[in-house]
C-alpha atoms as a PDB file:
ATOM      1  CA  MET A   1       0.210  -0.556   0.229  1.00  0.00           C
ATOM      2  CA  LEU A   2       2.584   2.628   0.822  1.00  0.00           C
ATOM      3  CA  GLU A   3       4.560   1.575  -2.283  1.00  0.00           C
ATOM      4  CA  GLU A   4       1.380   2.398  -4.472  1.00  0.00           C
ATOM      5  CA  LEU A   5       0.975   5.635  -2.799  1.00  0.00           C
ATOM      6  CA  ILE A   6       4.658   6.424  -3.184  1.00  0.00           C
ATOM      7  CA  LYS A   7       4.389   6.232  -6.858  1.00  0.00           C
ATOM      8  CA  LYS A   8       1.533   8.193  -7.200  1.00  0.00           C
ATOM      9  CA  ALA A   9       2.866  10.735  -5.238  1.00  0.00           C
ATOM     10  CA  GLN A  10       6.062  10.976  -7.356  1.00  0.00           C
ATOM     11  CA  LYS A  11       3.606  11.637 -10.069  1.00  0.00           C
ATOM     12  CA  GLY A  12       2.403  14.353  -8.668  1.00  0.00           C
ATOM     13  CA  ASP A  13      -0.389  13.257  -6.628  1.00  0.00           C
ATOM     14  CA  LYS A  14      -0.493  15.157  -3.416  1.00  0.00           C
ATOM     15  CA  GLN A  15      -3.414  13.261  -1.679  1.00  0.00           C
ATOM     16  CA  ALA A  16      -1.200  10.201  -1.986  1.00  0.00           C
ATOM     17  CA  PHE A  17       2.057  11.481  -0.725  1.00  0.00           C
ATOM     18  CA  THR A  18       0.045  13.085   2.506  1.00  0.00           C
ATOM     19  CA  GLN A  19      -1.595   9.478   2.775  1.00  0.00           C
ATOM     20  CA  ALA A  20       1.761   8.205   3.320  1.00  0.00           C
ATOM     21  CA  ILE A  21       3.158  10.264   5.380  1.00  0.00           C
ATOM     22  CA  LEU A  22       0.401   9.903   7.725  1.00  0.00           C
ATOM     23  CA  LEU A  23       0.999   6.175   7.726  1.00  0.00           C
ATOM     24  CA  ILE A  24       4.679   6.613   8.906  1.00  0.00           C
ATOM     25  CA  LYS A  25       4.054   9.461  10.988  1.00  0.00           C
ATOM     26  CA  ASN A  26       4.276   7.853  14.189  1.00  0.00           C
ATOM     27  CA  ASN A  27       7.648   6.081  13.606  1.00  0.00           C
ATOM     28  CA  LEU A  28       9.278   9.371  12.410  1.00  0.00           C
ATOM     29  CA  TYR A  29       8.303  11.195  15.289  1.00  0.00           C
ATOM     30  CA  LYS A  30       9.385   8.437  17.888  1.00  0.00           C
ATOM     31  CA  ILE A  31      12.666   8.663  16.023  1.00  0.00           C
ATOM     32  CA  ALA A  32      12.668  12.614  16.391  1.00  0.00           C
ATOM     33  CA  LYS A  33      11.777  12.419  19.921  1.00  0.00           C
ATOM     34  CA  MET A  34      14.338   9.860  21.000  1.00  0.00           C
ATOM     35  CA  ARG A  35      16.811  13.000  19.476  1.00  0.00           C
ATOM     36  CA  THR A  36      14.998  15.684  21.986  1.00  0.00           C
ATOM     37  CA  SER A  37      12.148  15.840  24.144  1.00  0.00           C
ATOM     38  CA  ASP A  38      11.466  19.529  22.989  1.00  0.00           C
ATOM     39  CA  GLU A  39       8.209  19.311  20.717  1.00  0.00           C
ATOM     40  CA  GLU A  40       8.981  22.710  18.808  1.00  0.00           C
ATOM     41  CA  ALA A  41      12.177  21.454  17.705  1.00  0.00           C
ATOM     42  CA  ILE A  42      10.372  18.074  16.658  1.00  0.00           C
ATOM     43  CA  LYS A  43       7.977  20.090  15.150  1.00  0.00           C
ATOM     44  CA  ASP A  44      10.765  22.046  12.998  1.00  0.00           C
ATOM     45  CA  ILE A  45      12.656  18.703  12.284  1.00  0.00           C
ATOM     46  CA  MET A  46       9.767  16.837  11.164  1.00  0.00           C
ATOM     47  CA  GLN A  47       8.302  19.719   8.588  1.00  0.00           C
ATOM     48  CA  GLU A  48      12.050  20.315   7.522  1.00  0.00           C
ATOM     49  CA  THR A  49      11.926  16.366   6.668  1.00  0.00           C
ATOM     50  CA  MET A  50       8.497  16.543   5.138  1.00  0.00           C
ATOM     51  CA  LEU A  51       9.762  19.613   2.742  1.00  0.00           C
ATOM     52  CA  ASP A  52      12.967  17.731   1.699  1.00  0.00           C
ATOM     53  CA  VAL A  53      10.822  14.444   0.968  1.00  0.00           C
ATOM     54  CA  TYR A  54       8.605  16.201  -1.167  1.00  0.00           C
ATOM     55  CA  LYS A  55      11.041  18.418  -3.277  1.00  0.00           C
ATOM     56  CA  TYR A  56      13.046  15.081  -3.869  1.00  0.00           C
ATOM     57  CA  ILE A  57      10.367  12.615  -3.942  1.00  0.00           C
ATOM     58  CA  LYS A  58      10.461  12.172  -7.839  1.00  0.00           C
ATOM     59  CA  LYS A  59      14.358  11.216  -7.379  1.00  0.00           C
ATOM     60  CA  LEU A  60      13.685   8.266  -5.368  1.00  0.00           C
ATOM     61  CA  LYS A  61      14.508   5.376  -7.706  1.00  0.00           C
ATOM     62  CA  GLU A  62      13.176   2.801  -5.678  1.00  0.00           C
ATOM     63  CA  PRO A  63       9.337   3.306  -3.994  1.00  0.00           C
ATOM     64  CA  SER A  64       9.617   0.575  -2.074  1.00  0.00           C
ATOM     65  CA  LYS A  65      12.689   1.858   0.092  1.00  0.00           C
ATOM     66  CA  PHE A  66      10.717   4.839   0.653  1.00  0.00           C
ATOM     67  CA  LYS A  67      10.564   4.751   4.715  1.00  0.00           C
ATOM     68  CA  ALA A  68      14.311   3.987   5.194  1.00  0.00           C
ATOM     69  CA  TRP A  69      14.788   6.930   2.792  1.00  0.00           C
ATOM     70  CA  ILE A  70      12.547   9.396   4.795  1.00  0.00           C
ATOM     71  CA  VAL A  71      14.272   7.934   8.197  1.00  0.00           C
ATOM     72  CA  LYS A  72      17.749   8.867   6.938  1.00  0.00           C
ATOM     73  CA  ILE A  73      16.604  12.084   5.492  1.00  0.00           C
ATOM     74  CA  LEU A  74      14.743  12.470   9.096  1.00  0.00           C
ATOM     75  CA  ILE A  75      18.031  11.512  11.082  1.00  0.00           C
ATOM     76  CA  ASN A  76      20.324  13.788   8.983  1.00  0.00           C
ATOM     77  CA  ASN A  77      17.738  16.772   9.795  1.00  0.00           C
ATOM     78  CA  CYS A  78      18.285  15.751  13.664  1.00  0.00           C
ATOM     79  CA  ASN A  79      22.083  15.954  13.198  1.00  0.00           C
ATOM     80  CA  LYS A  80      21.673  19.272  11.389  1.00  0.00           C
ATOM     81  CA  TYR A  81      19.125  20.772  14.097  1.00  0.00           C
ATOM     82  CA  TYR A  82      21.745  20.200  17.206  1.00  0.00           C
ATOM     83  CA  LYS A  83      24.701  21.039  15.178  1.00  0.00           C
ATOM     84  CA  LYS A  84      22.512  24.402  13.903  1.00  0.00           C
ATOM     85  CA  TYR A  85      22.162  25.125  17.497  1.00  0.00           C
ATOM     86  CA  HIS A  86      25.306  24.013  19.112  1.00  0.00           C
ATOM     87  CA  LEU A  87      22.805  21.665  21.426  1.00  0.00           C
ATOM     88  CA  GLU A  88      24.398  19.370  23.805  1.00  0.00           C
ATOM     89  CA  GLU A  89      22.932  15.895  23.544  1.00  0.00           C
ATOM     90  CA  ASN A  90      19.800  15.176  24.497  1.00  0.00           C
ATOM     91  CA  TYR A  91      18.393  11.942  24.102  1.00  0.00           C
ATOM     92  CA  ASN A  92      14.840  11.304  25.131  1.00  0.00           C
ATOM     93  CA  LEU A  93      14.147   7.757  25.014  1.00  0.00           C
ATOM     94  CA  GLU A  94      11.249   7.419  27.211  1.00  0.00           C
ATOM     95  CA  PHE A  95       8.917   7.389  24.135  1.00  0.00           C
ATOM     96  CA  TYR A  96      10.274   3.856  23.579  1.00  0.00           C
ATOM     97  CA  LYS A  97       9.833   2.710  27.471  1.00  0.00           C
ATOM     98  CA  GLU A  98       6.938   0.648  26.385  1.00  0.00           C
ATOM     99  CA  ASP A  99       8.265  -0.574  23.017  1.00  0.00           C
ATOM    100  CA  ILE A 100       9.804  -4.282  23.494  1.00  0.00           C
ATOM    101  CA  LYS A 101       8.880  -5.493  26.844  1.00  0.00           C
ATOM    102  CA  TYR A 102       9.364  -9.104  26.197  1.00  0.00           C
ATOM    103  CA  ASN A 103      11.595 -12.228  26.783  1.00  0.00           C
ATOM    104  CA  SER A 104      13.019 -15.023  24.644  1.00  0.00           C
ATOM    105  CA  ASN A 105       9.111 -16.715  25.175  1.00  0.00           C
ATOM    106  CA  GLN A 106       7.675 -13.453  24.011  1.00  0.00           C
ATOM    107  CA  GLN A 107       5.986 -13.227  27.351  1.00  0.00           C
ATOM    108  CA  LEU A 108       5.757  -9.576  28.777  1.00  0.00           C
ATOM    109  CA  ILE A 109       8.270  -9.229  31.236  1.00  0.00           C
ATOM    110  CA  GLU A 110       6.122  -6.783  34.244  1.00  0.00           C
ATOM    111  CA  ASP A 111       8.047  -4.108  35.460  1.00  0.00           C
ATOM    112  CA  THR A 112      11.261  -6.152  35.401  1.00  0.00           C
ATOM    113  CA  LEU A 113      12.984  -4.411  32.582  1.00  0.00           C
ATOM    114  CA  ASP A 114      12.038  -2.097  29.305  1.00  0.00           C
ATOM    115  CA  PHE A 115      13.190  -0.850  26.065  1.00  0.00           C
ATOM    116  CA  TYR A 116      14.402   2.559  27.515  1.00  0.00           C
ATOM    117  CA  SER A 117      16.476   1.116  30.672  1.00  0.00           C
ATOM    118  CA  MET A 118      18.217  -1.296  28.750  1.00  0.00           C
ATOM    119  CA  ILE A 119      19.425   1.314  26.007  1.00  0.00           C
ATOM    120  CA  LYS A 120      19.907   4.774  27.910  1.00  0.00           C
ATOM    121  CA  ASP A 121      23.523   3.643  28.736  1.00  0.00           C
ATOM    122  CA  LEU A 122      24.742   2.986  25.417  1.00  0.00           C
ATOM    123  CA  ARG A 123      26.436   5.093  23.421  1.00  0.00           C
ATOM    124  CA  TYR A 124      24.293   7.000  20.622  1.00  0.00           C
ATOM    125  CA  GLU A 125      25.629   5.088  17.487  1.00  0.00           C
ATOM    126  CA  GLU A 126      24.890   1.762  19.310  1.00  0.00           C
ATOM    127  CA  ARG A 127      21.468   3.217  20.495  1.00  0.00           C
ATOM    128  CA  ILE A 128      20.380   4.308  17.307  1.00  0.00           C
ATOM    129  CA  ILE A 129      21.113   0.985  15.665  1.00  0.00           C
ATOM    130  CA  VAL A 130      19.211  -0.950  18.346  1.00  0.00           C
ATOM    131  CA  VAL A 131      16.245   1.537  17.994  1.00  0.00           C
ATOM    132  CA  LEU A 132      15.932   0.876  14.304  1.00  0.00           C
ATOM    133  CA  PHE A 133      16.432  -2.815  14.335  1.00  0.00           C
ATOM    134  CA  TYR A 134      13.998  -3.867  17.402  1.00  0.00           C
ATOM    135  CA  ALA A 135      11.551  -0.947  17.531  1.00  0.00           C
ATOM    136  CA  GLU A 136      11.718   0.005  13.977  1.00  0.00           C
ATOM    137  CA  LYS A 137      12.359  -3.636  12.402  1.00  0.00           C
ATOM    138  CA  TYR A 138      14.912  -2.257  10.014  1.00  0.00           C
ATOM    139  CA  THR A 139      17.384  -4.851   8.616  1.00  0.00           C
ATOM    140  CA  THR A 140      20.992  -4.297   9.523  1.00  0.00           C
ATOM    141  CA  LYS A 141      21.353  -3.446   5.444  1.00  0.00           C
ATOM    142  CA  GLU A 142      18.674  -1.188   5.307  1.00  0.00           C
ATOM    143  CA  ILE A 143      20.353   0.274   8.651  1.00  0.00           C
ATOM    144  CA  SER A 144      23.354   0.666   6.939  1.00  0.00           C
ATOM    145  CA  LYS A 145      22.044   2.658   4.297  1.00  0.00           C
ATOM    146  CA  ILE A 146      20.080   4.469   6.383  1.00  0.00           C
ATOM    147  CA  LEU A 147      23.138   5.535   8.635  1.00  0.00           C
ATOM    148  CA  GLY A 148      25.679   5.430   5.291  1.00  0.00           C
ATOM    149  CA  ILE A 149      28.061   3.335   7.182  1.00  0.00           C
ATOM    150  CA  ASN A 150      29.259  -0.061   6.287  1.00  0.00           C
ATOM    151  CA  GLU A 151      26.474  -3.383   7.249  1.00  0.00           C
ATOM    152  CA  ASN A 152      29.430  -4.945   9.280  1.00  0.00           C
ATOM    153  CA  THR A 153      29.896  -1.685  11.310  1.00  0.00           C
ATOM    154  CA  VAL A 154      25.917  -2.009  12.048  1.00  0.00           C
ATOM    155  CA  LYS A 155      26.230  -5.534  13.018  1.00  0.00           C
ATOM    156  CA  THR A 156      29.316  -4.933  15.115  1.00  0.00           C
ATOM    157  CA  ARG A 157      27.568  -2.141  16.908  1.00  0.00           C
ATOM    158  CA  LEU A 158      24.484  -3.884  17.673  1.00  0.00           C
ATOM    159  CA  SER A 159      26.420  -7.005  18.595  1.00  0.00           C
ATOM    160  CA  ARG A 160      27.953  -4.853  21.235  1.00  0.00           C
ATOM    161  CA  ALA A 161      25.180  -3.272  22.296  1.00  0.00           C
ATOM    162  CA  LYS A 162      23.844  -6.565  23.155  1.00  0.00           C
ATOM    163  CA  GLY A 163      26.484  -7.790  24.948  1.00  0.00           C
ATOM    164  CA  LYS A 164      26.350  -4.769  26.893  1.00  0.00           C
ATOM    165  CA  ILE A 165      23.094  -4.902  27.711  1.00  0.00           C
ATOM    166  CA  LYS A 166      23.460  -8.669  28.810  1.00  0.00           C
ATOM    167  CA  ASN A 167      26.105  -7.650  30.932  1.00  0.00           C
ATOM    168  CA  ASN A 168      23.965  -4.682  32.373  1.00  0.00           C
ATOM    169  CA  TYR A 169      21.127  -6.978  33.352  1.00  0.00           C
ATOM    170  CA  LYS A 170      22.681 -10.025  33.549  1.00  0.00           C
ATOM    171  CA  GLY A 171      20.892 -12.289  36.564  1.00  0.00           C
ATOM    172  CA  GLY A 172      17.454  -9.677  35.644  1.00  0.00           C
ATOM    173  CA  LEU A 173      15.368 -12.280  34.392  1.00  0.00           C
ATOM    174  CA  ASP A 174      14.894 -15.893  35.118  1.00  0.00           C
ATOM    175  CA  ASN A 175      16.427 -17.931  32.654  1.00  0.00           C
ATOM    176  CA  GLU A 176      14.262 -20.467  32.007  1.00  0.00           C
END
């Protein structure tokens, strides 16, 4: 469905563009919200992203890659915003607090661990990969393209992050 909307949007259909954005708006908001808790900044970053996407959508060669493409633009706009205003790193992970709370048996872990507490101590480079992989369900190949880094680097950072999480929470769950 998203791919069909993008194809129409590339032909100038404004309503299809709007529908496509509405389908992924919440995912984009969560990624921007991870970067900052300033709602005005998020609005500015989201608006800038929408303008960039609208401006360049005809240049997107593979409509099936739209979501990864727009996330890359969003992350770049977040980074530009921080550089422009010389802000300190301000990562807000509260939004992801409820997203992933399952053990290997997919049973809800009540009040034991949450995604936020698991990733809050990771470096940004690891955290963004963990969020894109686990919360947003991108593949390592897609993350590589979004972040503009080698896929092996993505796999290494993901593995390192999982190791840190495992070490930090060893014994936090009953091993069955």
